């Protein structure tokens, strides 16, 4: 579904990502962890085509068989609109639209029926709030609106940057369960950047990002005693 080939990115001469390579499969829910500033959010922006990689491999990012570097701005926008869903820390909920209109936006842009928007609001615990505006809800509720909007058009690739960062533990668990269900039901690939070990444990695979690249890892409970 998604292939990274020797992906590199520098800012002001400082390398952030250096020849990063990995393959993400359809139907796979992957979390990426790592120290602050290591490039996790940069990686999501590059995959989404919101930032451009450094010169190197002619096709460093392949999405669903399509080389992102070979697309002009219009084609890249159409690919993002139809095939990707984004959950970013800043929410990007539009203040002049109701919650229902915010969630329905990807459906409208893709020429799809909008009835699923109300279903997704219900799924994230905001049923009955369809006609409210963003200023009437909390930050955690806005995060849930952003999650519903990202999933509503059943994207092939879901990119999530700290999707549970503004949610209480019970709501976070419910949202991650919803993400799991949607990914398995649609065969999508989902990549979640998180600092939360509890969130990472809900994914199929945990990757650690460092200056040495991506490496599959596991979360060790420090209170578990090693066998003697």
N, C-alpha and C. Protein backbone atom coordinates (compact mmCIF):
# COMPACT_ATOMS: atom_id res chain seq x y z
N UNK A 1 0.83 -1.21 0.00
CA UNK A 1 0.00 0.00 0.00
C UNK A 1 0.86 1.27 0.00
N UNK A 2 1.90 1.27 0.86
CA UNK A 2 2.79 2.43 0.96
C UNK A 2 4.23 1.94 1.04
N UNK A 3 5.06 2.50 0.19
CA UNK A 3 6.47 2.12 0.19
C UNK A 3 7.34 3.37 0.29
N UNK A 4 8.27 3.35 1.21
CA UNK A 4 9.27 4.42 1.35
C UNK A 4 10.60 3.88 0.82
N UNK A 5 11.22 4.65 -0.07
CA UNK A 5 12.47 4.22 -0.68
C UNK A 5 13.54 5.28 -0.48
N UNK A 6 14.42 5.03 0.45
CA UNK A 6 15.55 5.95 0.68
C UNK A 6 15.07 7.39 0.84
N UNK A 7 14.05 7.56 1.65
CA UNK A 7 13.43 8.87 1.87
C UNK A 7 14.30 9.72 2.79
N UNK A 8 14.62 10.93 2.36
CA UNK A 8 15.44 11.84 3.16
C UNK A 8 14.81 13.22 3.20
N UNK A 9 15.04 13.92 4.31
CA UNK A 9 14.56 15.28 4.46
C UNK A 9 15.48 16.04 5.41
N UNK A 10 15.89 17.24 4.97
CA UNK A 10 16.73 18.11 5.78
C UNK A 10 16.08 19.49 5.86
N UNK A 11 16.37 20.20 6.96
CA UNK A 11 15.94 21.58 7.11
C UNK A 11 17.17 22.41 7.47
N UNK A 12 17.43 23.43 6.65
CA UNK A 12 18.59 24.31 6.87
C UNK A 12 19.88 23.51 7.03
N UNK A 13 19.99 22.49 6.21
CA UNK A 13 21.20 21.67 6.22
C UNK A 13 21.26 20.63 7.31
N UNK A 14 20.24 20.58 8.18
CA UNK A 14 20.23 19.58 9.25
C UNK A 14 19.35 18.41 8.84
N UNK A 15 19.92 17.21 8.72
CA UNK A 15 19.11 16.05 8.32
C UNK A 15 18.12 15.66 9.41
N UNK A 16 16.86 15.46 9.01
CA UNK A 16 15.83 14.99 9.92
C UNK A 16 15.55 13.51 9.65
N UNK A 17 15.36 13.17 8.39
CA UNK A 17 15.19 11.78 7.98
C UNK A 17 16.28 11.47 6.96
N UNK A 18 16.92 10.32 7.13
CA UNK A 18 18.07 9.99 6.29
C UNK A 18 17.91 8.60 5.67
N UNK A 19 17.57 8.58 4.39
CA UNK A 19 17.48 7.35 3.60
C UNK A 19 16.59 6.30 4.27
N UNK A 20 15.39 6.75 4.57
CA UNK A 20 14.43 5.91 5.28
C UNK A 20 13.71 4.99 4.30
N UNK A 21 13.66 3.71 4.61
CA UNK A 21 12.98 2.74 3.75
C UNK A 21 12.10 1.84 4.60
N UNK A 22 10.86 1.62 4.14
CA UNK A 22 9.94 0.71 4.82
C UNK A 22 8.75 0.45 3.90
N UNK A 23 8.11 -0.70 4.06
CA UNK A 23 6.90 -1.02 3.31
C UNK A 23 5.75 -1.25 4.29
N UNK A 24 4.65 -0.55 4.09
CA UNK A 24 3.45 -0.67 4.91
C UNK A 24 2.38 -1.38 4.08
N UNK A 25 1.74 -2.38 4.66
CA UNK A 25 0.80 -3.22 3.92
C UNK A 25 -0.64 -2.76 4.13
N UNK A 26 -1.49 -3.07 3.15
CA UNK A 26 -2.92 -2.81 3.28
C UNK A 26 -3.47 -3.64 4.43
N UNK A 27 -4.41 -3.06 5.18
CA UNK A 27 -5.01 -3.75 6.30
C UNK A 27 -4.17 -3.73 7.56
N UNK A 28 -3.08 -2.97 7.55
CA UNK A 28 -2.14 -2.95 8.67
C UNK A 28 -2.27 -1.64 9.45
N UNK A 29 -2.37 -1.75 10.77
CA UNK A 29 -2.45 -0.59 11.67
C UNK A 29 -1.10 -0.50 12.38
N UNK A 30 -0.31 0.52 12.05
CA UNK A 30 1.06 0.64 12.54
C UNK A 30 1.20 1.91 13.36
N UNK A 31 1.88 1.81 14.50
CA UNK A 31 2.21 3.00 15.28
C UNK A 31 3.70 3.29 15.14
N UNK A 32 4.02 4.58 15.16
CA UNK A 32 5.42 5.02 15.11
C UNK A 32 5.71 5.84 16.36
N UNK A 33 6.71 5.41 17.10
CA UNK A 33 7.12 6.10 18.32
C UNK A 33 8.56 6.58 18.15
N UNK A 34 9.01 7.41 19.06
CA UNK A 34 10.36 7.94 19.00
C UNK A 34 10.46 9.23 19.77
N UNK A 35 11.68 9.68 20.00
CA UNK A 35 11.91 10.91 20.76
C UNK A 35 11.32 12.12 20.04
N UNK A 36 11.00 13.16 20.78
CA UNK A 36 10.54 14.41 20.19
C UNK A 36 11.61 14.98 19.27
N UNK A 37 11.20 15.49 18.12
CA UNK A 37 12.13 16.10 17.18
C UNK A 37 12.84 15.14 16.27
N UNK A 38 12.49 13.84 16.36
CA UNK A 38 13.19 12.86 15.52
C UNK A 38 12.64 12.82 14.09
N UNK A 39 11.46 13.43 13.88
CA UNK A 39 10.93 13.52 12.51
C UNK A 39 9.65 12.75 12.27
N UNK A 40 8.92 12.40 13.31
CA UNK A 40 7.70 11.61 13.15
C UNK A 40 6.62 12.38 12.39
N UNK A 41 6.35 13.61 12.81
CA UNK A 41 5.34 14.42 12.11
C UNK A 41 5.82 14.80 10.71
N UNK A 42 7.11 15.05 10.57
CA UNK A 42 7.67 15.33 9.24
C UNK A 42 7.42 14.16 8.30
N UNK A 43 7.59 12.96 8.81
CA UNK A 43 7.36 11.77 7.99
C UNK A 43 5.92 11.72 7.49
N UNK A 44 4.95 12.00 8.37
CA UNK A 44 3.54 11.99 7.95
C UNK A 44 3.29 13.06 6.89
N UNK A 45 3.85 14.24 7.07
CA UNK A 45 3.66 15.32 6.10
C UNK A 45 4.25 14.97 4.74
N UNK A 46 5.39 14.27 4.74
CA UNK A 46 5.99 13.86 3.48
C UNK A 46 5.14 12.81 2.78
N UNK A 47 4.64 11.84 3.53
CA UNK A 47 3.79 10.80 2.95
C UNK A 47 2.54 11.43 2.34
N UNK A 48 1.99 12.42 3.03
CA UNK A 48 0.76 13.07 2.56
C UNK A 48 1.00 14.01 1.39
N UNK A 49 2.26 14.28 1.08
CA UNK A 49 2.54 15.23 0.01
C UNK A 49 2.41 16.67 0.44
N UNK A 50 2.36 16.92 1.75
CA UNK A 50 2.28 18.28 2.26
C UNK A 50 3.65 18.91 2.40
N UNK A 51 4.69 18.11 2.26
CA UNK A 51 6.07 18.56 2.26
C UNK A 51 6.80 17.75 1.20
N UNK A 52 7.94 18.24 0.75
CA UNK A 52 8.66 17.55 -0.33
C UNK A 52 9.97 16.98 0.20
N UNK A 53 10.29 15.74 -0.20
CA UNK A 53 11.55 15.14 0.23
C UNK A 53 12.74 15.76 -0.48
N UNK A 54 13.91 15.52 0.07
CA UNK A 54 15.14 15.96 -0.58
C UNK A 54 15.36 15.15 -1.85
N UNK A 55 16.20 15.68 -2.71
CA UNK A 55 16.56 14.94 -3.92
C UNK A 55 17.25 13.64 -3.52
N UNK A 56 17.00 12.61 -4.26
CA UNK A 56 17.57 11.29 -3.96
C UNK A 56 16.94 10.29 -4.88
N UNK A 57 16.31 9.28 -4.30
CA UNK A 57 15.59 8.31 -5.11
C UNK A 57 14.52 9.03 -5.92
N UNK A 58 14.40 8.64 -7.19
CA UNK A 58 13.43 9.32 -8.06
C UNK A 58 12.00 9.14 -7.58
N UNK A 59 11.72 8.06 -6.85
CA UNK A 59 10.38 7.79 -6.34
C UNK A 59 10.46 7.36 -4.88
N UNK A 60 10.73 8.31 -3.96
CA UNK A 60 10.92 7.91 -2.56
C UNK A 60 9.64 7.53 -1.84
N UNK A 61 8.48 7.95 -2.36
CA UNK A 61 7.20 7.64 -1.71
C UNK A 61 6.23 7.09 -2.76
N UNK A 62 5.81 5.84 -2.56
CA UNK A 62 4.87 5.19 -3.46
C UNK A 62 3.59 4.91 -2.69
N UNK A 63 2.48 5.49 -3.10
CA UNK A 63 1.19 5.30 -2.45
C UNK A 63 0.27 4.55 -3.39
N UNK A 64 -0.11 3.35 -2.99
CA UNK A 64 -1.04 2.55 -3.79
C UNK A 64 -0.54 2.39 -5.23
N UNK A 65 0.77 2.19 -5.36
CA UNK A 65 1.37 2.00 -6.68
C UNK A 65 1.67 3.27 -7.44
N UNK A 66 1.40 4.44 -6.84
CA UNK A 66 1.58 5.72 -7.51
C UNK A 66 2.75 6.47 -6.87
N UNK A 67 3.70 6.91 -7.67
CA UNK A 67 4.83 7.69 -7.17
C UNK A 67 4.39 9.11 -6.92
N UNK A 68 4.46 9.57 -5.67
CA UNK A 68 4.03 10.92 -5.33
C UNK A 68 4.84 11.97 -6.06
N UNK A 69 6.13 11.67 -6.29
CA UNK A 69 7.00 12.65 -6.94
C UNK A 69 6.62 12.88 -8.40
N UNK A 70 5.85 11.96 -8.98
CA UNK A 70 5.46 12.11 -10.37
C UNK A 70 4.16 12.87 -10.58
N UNK A 71 3.57 13.35 -9.51
CA UNK A 71 2.27 14.03 -9.60
C UNK A 71 2.43 15.54 -9.54
N UNK A 72 1.66 16.25 -10.35
CA UNK A 72 1.62 17.70 -10.21
C UNK A 72 0.70 18.03 -9.04
N UNK A 73 0.58 19.31 -8.69
CA UNK A 73 -0.19 19.71 -7.51
C UNK A 73 -1.64 19.26 -7.59
N UNK A 74 -2.25 19.38 -8.78
CA UNK A 74 -3.65 19.01 -8.94
C UNK A 74 -3.85 17.51 -8.74
N UNK A 75 -2.98 16.72 -9.35
CA UNK A 75 -3.10 15.26 -9.23
C UNK A 75 -2.84 14.80 -7.79
N UNK A 76 -1.88 15.43 -7.12
CA UNK A 76 -1.59 15.08 -5.73
C UNK A 76 -2.77 15.43 -4.83
N UNK A 77 -3.41 16.56 -5.09
CA UNK A 77 -4.58 16.95 -4.31
C UNK A 77 -5.71 15.95 -4.50
N UNK A 78 -5.94 15.51 -5.72
CA UNK A 78 -7.00 14.54 -5.99
C UNK A 78 -6.71 13.20 -5.32
N UNK A 79 -5.44 12.79 -5.32
CA UNK A 79 -5.07 11.54 -4.66
C UNK A 79 -5.31 11.64 -3.16
N UNK A 80 -4.87 12.74 -2.54
CA UNK A 80 -5.10 12.93 -1.11
C UNK A 80 -6.59 12.91 -0.78
N UNK A 81 -7.35 13.60 -1.59
CA UNK A 81 -8.79 13.74 -1.34
C UNK A 81 -9.50 12.40 -1.39
N UNK A 82 -9.14 11.57 -2.36
CA UNK A 82 -9.86 10.32 -2.57
C UNK A 82 -9.31 9.16 -1.76
N UNK A 83 -8.00 9.12 -1.53
CA UNK A 83 -7.36 7.91 -1.01
C UNK A 83 -6.81 8.05 0.40
N UNK A 84 -6.77 9.28 0.94
CA UNK A 84 -6.15 9.47 2.24
C UNK A 84 -7.12 10.11 3.23
N UNK A 85 -6.87 9.81 4.51
CA UNK A 85 -7.57 10.47 5.61
C UNK A 85 -6.54 10.96 6.60
N UNK A 86 -6.73 12.17 7.13
CA UNK A 86 -5.73 12.79 8.01
C UNK A 86 -6.33 13.11 9.37
N UNK A 87 -5.57 12.78 10.40
CA UNK A 87 -5.91 13.19 11.76
C UNK A 87 -4.68 13.87 12.31
N UNK A 88 -4.69 15.20 12.32
CA UNK A 88 -3.52 15.95 12.76
C UNK A 88 -3.80 16.63 14.11
N UNK A 89 -2.74 16.97 14.82
CA UNK A 89 -2.87 17.51 16.16
C UNK A 89 -3.65 18.82 16.19
N UNK A 90 -3.57 19.60 15.12
CA UNK A 90 -4.24 20.91 15.09
C UNK A 90 -5.72 20.82 14.72
N UNK A 91 -6.23 19.61 14.52
CA UNK A 91 -7.64 19.34 14.20
C UNK A 91 -8.03 19.79 12.79
N UNK A 92 -7.82 21.09 12.49
CA UNK A 92 -8.23 21.68 11.20
C UNK A 92 -9.74 21.54 10.98
N UNK A 93 -10.51 21.61 12.07
CA UNK A 93 -11.96 21.65 11.95
C UNK A 93 -12.36 23.05 11.52
N UNK A 94 -13.22 23.17 10.51
CA UNK A 94 -13.58 24.47 9.95
C UNK A 94 -14.63 25.15 10.83
N UNK A 95 -14.33 26.34 11.37
CA UNK A 95 -15.21 26.95 12.38
C UNK A 95 -16.56 27.41 11.85
N UNK A 96 -16.66 27.68 10.54
CA UNK A 96 -17.91 28.19 9.98
C UNK A 96 -18.86 27.09 9.54
N UNK A 97 -18.44 25.83 9.68
CA UNK A 97 -19.29 24.70 9.33
C UNK A 97 -19.76 23.98 10.58
N UNK A 98 -20.96 23.40 10.53
CA UNK A 98 -21.43 22.58 11.65
C UNK A 98 -20.58 21.31 11.73
N UNK A 99 -20.76 20.58 12.83
CA UNK A 99 -20.01 19.33 12.99
C UNK A 99 -20.36 18.36 11.86
N UNK A 100 -21.63 18.27 11.51
CA UNK A 100 -22.05 17.38 10.43
C UNK A 100 -21.44 17.82 9.10
N UNK A 101 -21.43 19.10 8.83
CA UNK A 101 -20.86 19.60 7.58
C UNK A 101 -19.35 19.36 7.53
N UNK A 102 -18.67 19.50 8.66
CA UNK A 102 -17.24 19.21 8.71
C UNK A 102 -16.97 17.76 8.34
N UNK A 103 -17.71 16.85 8.94
CA UNK A 103 -17.49 15.43 8.69
C UNK A 103 -17.88 15.04 7.27
N UNK A 104 -18.90 15.68 6.75
CA UNK A 104 -19.38 15.35 5.40
C UNK A 104 -18.49 15.89 4.29
N UNK A 105 -17.58 16.79 4.63
CA UNK A 105 -16.79 17.47 3.60
C UNK A 105 -16.05 16.51 2.66
N UNK A 106 -15.33 15.48 3.15
CA UNK A 106 -14.66 14.56 2.21
C UNK A 106 -15.63 13.84 1.28
N UNK A 107 -16.83 13.56 1.77
CA UNK A 107 -17.83 12.91 0.93
C UNK A 107 -18.28 13.84 -0.19
N UNK A 108 -18.52 15.10 0.15
CA UNK A 108 -18.93 16.08 -0.86
C UNK A 108 -17.83 16.29 -1.90
N UNK A 109 -16.59 16.39 -1.44
CA UNK A 109 -15.48 16.63 -2.37
C UNK A 109 -15.26 15.45 -3.32
N UNK A 110 -15.64 14.26 -2.87
CA UNK A 110 -15.47 13.07 -3.70
C UNK A 110 -16.75 12.65 -4.42
N UNK A 111 -17.79 13.49 -4.32
CA UNK A 111 -19.04 13.19 -5.01
C UNK A 111 -19.76 11.97 -4.47
N UNK A 112 -19.65 11.73 -3.15
CA UNK A 112 -20.26 10.56 -2.52
C UNK A 112 -21.48 10.97 -1.69
N UNK A 113 -22.42 10.04 -1.47
CA UNK A 113 -23.56 10.35 -0.59
C UNK A 113 -23.09 10.73 0.80
N UNK A 114 -23.81 11.64 1.43
CA UNK A 114 -23.35 12.20 2.71
C UNK A 114 -23.97 11.53 3.94
N UNK A 115 -24.81 10.51 3.76
CA UNK A 115 -25.50 9.93 4.92
C UNK A 115 -24.55 9.31 5.93
N UNK A 116 -23.36 8.89 5.50
CA UNK A 116 -22.42 8.26 6.43
C UNK A 116 -21.85 9.26 7.43
N UNK A 117 -21.94 10.55 7.15
CA UNK A 117 -21.39 11.56 8.07
C UNK A 117 -22.07 11.49 9.43
N UNK A 118 -23.39 11.37 9.46
CA UNK A 118 -24.11 11.28 10.73
C UNK A 118 -23.75 9.98 11.45
N UNK A 119 -23.54 8.91 10.71
CA UNK A 119 -23.16 7.62 11.30
C UNK A 119 -21.81 7.73 11.99
N UNK A 120 -20.87 8.44 11.36
CA UNK A 120 -19.54 8.57 11.94
C UNK A 120 -19.56 9.47 13.17
N UNK A 121 -20.38 10.51 13.16
CA UNK A 121 -20.50 11.34 14.37
C UNK A 121 -21.04 10.51 15.53
N UNK A 122 -21.99 9.66 15.23
CA UNK A 122 -22.53 8.77 16.25
C UNK A 122 -21.44 7.82 16.75
N UNK A 123 -20.62 7.32 15.83
CA UNK A 123 -19.58 6.36 16.18
C UNK A 123 -18.52 6.95 17.10
N UNK A 124 -18.28 8.26 16.99
CA UNK A 124 -17.27 8.90 17.87
C UNK A 124 -17.92 9.57 19.08
N UNK A 125 -19.18 9.25 19.35
CA UNK A 125 -19.83 9.73 20.55
C UNK A 125 -20.41 11.12 20.47
N UNK A 126 -20.66 11.60 19.25
CA UNK A 126 -21.20 12.95 19.09
C UNK A 126 -22.56 12.95 18.39
N UNK A 127 -23.27 11.85 18.50
CA UNK A 127 -24.62 11.80 17.96
C UNK A 127 -25.51 12.83 18.65
N UNK A 128 -26.34 13.51 17.89
CA UNK A 128 -27.19 14.56 18.43
C UNK A 128 -26.55 15.93 18.44
N UNK A 129 -25.27 16.00 18.08
CA UNK A 129 -24.57 17.30 18.06
C UNK A 129 -24.33 17.77 16.62
N UNK A 130 -25.02 17.17 15.65
CA UNK A 130 -24.75 17.43 14.24
C UNK A 130 -24.79 18.91 13.87
N UNK A 131 -25.70 19.66 14.49
CA UNK A 131 -25.91 21.06 14.10
C UNK A 131 -25.14 22.05 14.98
N UNK A 132 -24.35 21.54 15.90
CA UNK A 132 -23.48 22.41 16.69
C UNK A 132 -22.30 22.87 15.85
N UNK A 133 -21.69 23.97 16.29
CA UNK A 133 -20.50 24.50 15.62
C UNK A 133 -19.27 24.21 16.49
N UNK A 134 -18.08 24.21 15.91
CA UNK A 134 -16.87 23.89 16.67
C UNK A 134 -16.68 24.71 17.95
N UNK A 135 -17.10 25.99 17.95
CA UNK A 135 -16.89 26.79 19.16
C UNK A 135 -17.76 26.34 20.31
N UNK A 136 -18.72 25.45 20.05
CA UNK A 136 -19.62 24.96 21.09
C UNK A 136 -19.13 23.66 21.74
N UNK A 137 -18.00 23.14 21.30
CA UNK A 137 -17.52 21.87 21.83
C UNK A 137 -16.10 22.01 22.35
N UNK A 138 -15.66 21.02 23.09
CA UNK A 138 -14.33 21.04 23.70
C UNK A 138 -13.26 20.61 22.70
N UNK A 139 -11.99 20.78 23.10
CA UNK A 139 -10.89 20.35 22.26
C UNK A 139 -10.90 18.85 22.00
N UNK A 140 -11.23 18.07 23.03
CA UNK A 140 -11.32 16.63 22.85
C UNK A 140 -12.42 16.24 21.88
N UNK A 141 -13.55 16.95 21.95
CA UNK A 141 -14.64 16.68 21.02
C UNK A 141 -14.28 17.08 19.59
N UNK A 142 -13.51 18.18 19.45
CA UNK A 142 -13.05 18.55 18.11
C UNK A 142 -12.12 17.49 17.54
N UNK A 143 -11.31 16.88 18.39
CA UNK A 143 -10.45 15.79 17.94
C UNK A 143 -11.30 14.63 17.41
N UNK A 144 -12.41 14.36 18.09
CA UNK A 144 -13.30 13.29 17.63
C UNK A 144 -13.95 13.63 16.29
N UNK A 145 -14.29 14.90 16.11
CA UNK A 145 -14.82 15.34 14.81
C UNK A 145 -13.77 15.11 13.71
N UNK A 146 -12.53 15.46 14.01
CA UNK A 146 -11.45 15.28 13.04
C UNK A 146 -11.26 13.81 12.69
N UNK A 147 -11.40 12.94 13.68
CA UNK A 147 -11.27 11.50 13.44
C UNK A 147 -12.41 10.99 12.58
N UNK A 148 -13.63 11.42 12.88
CA UNK A 148 -14.79 11.02 12.07
C UNK A 148 -14.63 11.49 10.63
N UNK A 149 -14.15 12.71 10.45
CA UNK A 149 -13.96 13.25 9.10
C UNK A 149 -12.88 12.48 8.33
N UNK A 150 -11.84 12.05 9.04
CA UNK A 150 -10.75 11.32 8.38
C UNK A 150 -11.18 9.95 7.89
N UNK A 151 -12.18 9.35 8.57
CA UNK A 151 -12.58 7.98 8.24
C UNK A 151 -13.83 7.90 7.37
N UNK A 152 -14.55 9.00 7.24
CA UNK A 152 -15.90 8.94 6.69
C UNK A 152 -15.94 8.45 5.24
N UNK A 153 -14.93 8.75 4.44
CA UNK A 153 -14.94 8.36 3.02
C UNK A 153 -14.19 7.05 2.77
N UNK A 154 -13.91 6.32 3.84
CA UNK A 154 -13.23 5.02 3.78
C UNK A 154 -11.92 5.11 2.98
N UNK A 155 -10.97 5.91 3.45
CA UNK A 155 -9.71 6.09 2.71
C UNK A 155 -8.86 4.82 2.74
N UNK A 156 -8.00 4.69 1.75
CA UNK A 156 -7.08 3.55 1.68
C UNK A 156 -5.89 3.73 2.62
N UNK A 157 -5.56 4.99 2.94
CA UNK A 157 -4.43 5.30 3.80
C UNK A 157 -4.86 6.33 4.84
N UNK A 158 -4.70 5.98 6.12
CA UNK A 158 -5.04 6.89 7.21
C UNK A 158 -3.74 7.31 7.90
N UNK A 159 -3.54 8.62 8.04
CA UNK A 159 -2.36 9.17 8.70
C UNK A 159 -2.82 9.92 9.94
N UNK A 160 -2.33 9.49 11.10
CA UNK A 160 -2.81 10.05 12.37
C UNK A 160 -1.65 10.52 13.22
N UNK A 161 -1.66 11.79 13.58
CA UNK A 161 -0.61 12.38 14.39
C UNK A 161 -1.16 12.63 15.79
N UNK A 162 -0.81 11.78 16.74
CA UNK A 162 -1.29 11.87 18.12
C UNK A 162 -2.82 11.97 18.17
N UNK A 163 -3.53 11.02 17.58
CA UNK A 163 -4.99 11.15 17.48
C UNK A 163 -5.72 11.09 18.81
N UNK A 164 -5.08 10.56 19.85
CA UNK A 164 -5.75 10.46 21.15
C UNK A 164 -5.15 11.42 22.18
N UNK A 165 -4.33 12.35 21.73
CA UNK A 165 -3.62 13.24 22.65
C UNK A 165 -4.52 14.13 23.48
N UNK A 166 -5.73 14.44 23.00
CA UNK A 166 -6.63 15.33 23.72
C UNK A 166 -7.84 14.60 24.31
N UNK A 167 -7.74 13.28 24.39
CA UNK A 167 -8.88 12.48 24.83
C UNK A 167 -8.60 11.81 26.17
N UNK A 168 -9.65 11.63 26.96
CA UNK A 168 -9.50 10.89 28.21
C UNK A 168 -9.27 9.41 27.88
N UNK A 169 -8.73 8.62 28.82
CA UNK A 169 -8.35 7.24 28.52
C UNK A 169 -9.49 6.38 27.95
N UNK A 170 -10.70 6.50 28.50
CA UNK A 170 -11.80 5.68 28.02
C UNK A 170 -12.19 6.05 26.59
N UNK A 171 -12.26 7.37 26.32
CA UNK A 171 -12.60 7.81 24.96
C UNK A 171 -11.49 7.43 23.98
N UNK A 172 -10.24 7.58 24.41
CA UNK A 172 -9.11 7.20 23.56
C UNK A 172 -9.19 5.73 23.17
N UNK A 173 -9.50 4.89 24.14
CA UNK A 173 -9.60 3.46 23.85
C UNK A 173 -10.73 3.17 22.87
N UNK A 174 -11.86 3.86 23.04
CA UNK A 174 -12.99 3.66 22.13
C UNK A 174 -12.66 4.13 20.72
N UNK A 175 -11.94 5.24 20.61
CA UNK A 175 -11.56 5.77 19.30
C UNK A 175 -10.59 4.83 18.61
N UNK A 176 -9.63 4.30 19.34
CA UNK A 176 -8.67 3.37 18.75
C UNK A 176 -9.35 2.08 18.31
N UNK A 177 -10.35 1.64 19.06
CA UNK A 177 -11.12 0.47 18.66
C UNK A 177 -11.88 0.75 17.37
N UNK A 178 -12.43 1.96 17.26
CA UNK A 178 -13.09 2.36 16.02
C UNK A 178 -12.11 2.36 14.85
N UNK A 179 -10.92 2.92 15.07
CA UNK A 179 -9.89 2.91 14.03
C UNK A 179 -9.57 1.49 13.60
N UNK A 180 -9.37 0.61 14.57
CA UNK A 180 -9.10 -0.80 14.26
C UNK A 180 -10.20 -1.39 13.39
N UNK A 181 -11.44 -1.15 13.78
CA UNK A 181 -12.57 -1.72 13.06
C UNK A 181 -12.62 -1.21 11.62
N UNK A 182 -12.47 0.11 11.45
CA UNK A 182 -12.54 0.70 10.11
C UNK A 182 -11.41 0.17 9.22
N UNK A 183 -10.22 0.04 9.79
CA UNK A 183 -9.06 -0.43 9.02
C UNK A 183 -9.29 -1.86 8.54
N UNK A 184 -9.76 -2.72 9.44
CA UNK A 184 -9.98 -4.11 9.07
C UNK A 184 -11.16 -4.25 8.11
N UNK A 185 -12.19 -3.43 8.30
CA UNK A 185 -13.38 -3.53 7.45
C UNK A 185 -13.12 -3.07 6.03
N UNK A 186 -12.24 -2.09 5.86
CA UNK A 186 -12.00 -1.52 4.53
C UNK A 186 -10.68 -1.97 3.92
N UNK A 187 -9.84 -2.66 4.70
CA UNK A 187 -8.53 -3.05 4.18
C UNK A 187 -7.57 -1.89 4.04
N UNK A 188 -7.81 -0.84 4.80
CA UNK A 188 -6.95 0.35 4.72
C UNK A 188 -5.63 0.10 5.45
N UNK A 189 -4.67 0.97 5.19
CA UNK A 189 -3.43 1.01 5.93
C UNK A 189 -3.48 2.26 6.81
N UNK A 190 -3.12 2.12 8.07
CA UNK A 190 -3.12 3.27 8.98
C UNK A 190 -1.78 3.40 9.66
N UNK A 191 -1.27 4.63 9.71
CA UNK A 191 0.00 4.93 10.37
C UNK A 191 -0.28 5.98 11.43
N UNK A 192 0.01 5.65 12.67
CA UNK A 192 -0.27 6.54 13.79
C UNK A 192 1.02 6.91 14.51
N UNK A 193 1.30 8.20 14.57
CA UNK A 193 2.40 8.71 15.39
C UNK A 193 1.85 8.94 16.79
N UNK A 194 2.53 8.42 17.80
CA UNK A 194 2.04 8.57 19.16
C UNK A 194 3.18 8.51 20.16
N UNK A 195 3.00 9.18 21.30
CA UNK A 195 3.89 9.04 22.44
C UNK A 195 3.29 8.09 23.48
N UNK A 196 2.05 7.68 23.25
CA UNK A 196 1.33 6.87 24.23
C UNK A 196 1.61 5.38 24.02
N UNK A 197 2.17 4.75 25.03
CA UNK A 197 2.39 3.32 24.94
C UNK A 197 1.07 2.56 24.91
N UNK A 198 0.07 3.06 25.64
CA UNK A 198 -1.23 2.39 25.64
C UNK A 198 -1.87 2.44 24.25
N UNK A 199 -1.73 3.58 23.58
CA UNK A 199 -2.26 3.68 22.21
C UNK A 199 -1.50 2.75 21.28
N UNK A 200 -0.19 2.72 21.39
CA UNK A 200 0.63 1.89 20.51
C UNK A 200 0.29 0.42 20.66
N UNK A 201 -0.05 0.01 21.86
CA UNK A 201 -0.37 -1.40 22.10
C UNK A 201 -1.63 -1.86 21.35
N UNK A 202 -2.44 -0.91 20.90
CA UNK A 202 -3.65 -1.26 20.16
C UNK A 202 -3.37 -1.52 18.67
N UNK A 203 -2.15 -1.29 18.23
CA UNK A 203 -1.83 -1.42 16.82
C UNK A 203 -1.23 -2.79 16.52
N UNK A 204 -1.20 -3.14 15.23
CA UNK A 204 -0.66 -4.44 14.81
C UNK A 204 0.86 -4.49 14.92
N UNK A 205 1.49 -3.34 14.76
CA UNK A 205 2.95 -3.30 14.73
C UNK A 205 3.41 -1.96 15.29
N UNK A 206 4.50 -2.00 16.06
CA UNK A 206 5.07 -0.77 16.63
C UNK A 206 6.45 -0.57 16.03
N UNK A 207 6.66 0.62 15.42
CA UNK A 207 7.95 0.96 14.86
C UNK A 207 8.57 2.09 15.69
N UNK A 208 9.87 2.03 15.85
CA UNK A 208 10.60 3.09 16.55
C UNK A 208 11.43 3.85 15.53
N UNK A 209 11.23 5.18 15.49
CA UNK A 209 11.97 6.03 14.57
C UNK A 209 13.12 6.70 15.31
N UNK A 210 14.30 6.57 14.76
CA UNK A 210 15.49 7.21 15.31
C UNK A 210 16.36 7.69 14.15
N UNK A 211 17.51 8.25 14.44
CA UNK A 211 18.41 8.68 13.39
C UNK A 211 18.92 7.51 12.56
N UNK A 212 18.79 6.31 13.09
CA UNK A 212 19.20 5.12 12.35
C UNK A 212 18.09 4.57 11.47
N UNK A 213 16.90 5.19 11.52
CA UNK A 213 15.80 4.76 10.67
C UNK A 213 14.66 4.16 11.46
N UNK A 214 13.84 3.34 10.79
CA UNK A 214 12.71 2.68 11.40
C UNK A 214 13.09 1.26 11.80
N UNK A 215 12.64 0.85 12.97
CA UNK A 215 12.92 -0.50 13.44
C UNK A 215 11.72 -1.01 14.22
N UNK A 216 11.28 -2.23 13.91
CA UNK A 216 10.16 -2.79 14.65
C UNK A 216 10.58 -3.07 16.08
N UNK A 217 9.66 -2.78 17.01
CA UNK A 217 9.99 -2.92 18.42
C UNK A 217 8.78 -3.42 19.18
N UNK A 218 8.96 -3.66 20.45
CA UNK A 218 7.87 -4.01 21.35
C UNK A 218 7.96 -3.12 22.57
N UNK A 219 6.85 -3.00 23.29
CA UNK A 219 6.82 -2.20 24.51
C UNK A 219 7.02 -3.13 25.70
N UNK A 220 8.01 -2.82 26.49
CA UNK A 220 8.33 -3.64 27.65
C UNK A 220 7.77 -2.98 28.90
N UNK A 221 7.04 -3.73 29.69
CA UNK A 221 6.51 -3.23 30.95
C UNK A 221 7.64 -3.24 31.98
N UNK A 222 8.05 -2.07 32.48
CA UNK A 222 9.19 -2.03 33.42
C UNK A 222 8.90 -2.73 34.74
N UNK A 223 7.63 -3.00 35.03
CA UNK A 223 7.26 -3.64 36.30
C UNK A 223 7.21 -5.16 36.18
N UNK A 224 7.34 -5.66 34.94
CA UNK A 224 7.38 -7.10 34.76
C UNK A 224 8.77 -7.63 35.11
N UNK A 225 8.82 -8.64 35.89
CA UNK A 225 10.08 -9.22 36.27
C UNK A 225 10.58 -10.19 35.20
N UNK A 226 11.87 -10.15 34.96
CA UNK A 226 12.45 -11.08 34.01
C UNK A 226 12.47 -12.46 34.63
N UNK A 227 12.24 -13.50 33.81
CA UNK A 227 12.27 -14.85 34.35
C UNK A 227 13.68 -15.19 34.85
N UNK A 228 13.75 -15.94 35.95
CA UNK A 228 15.03 -16.32 36.52
C UNK A 228 15.32 -17.79 36.28
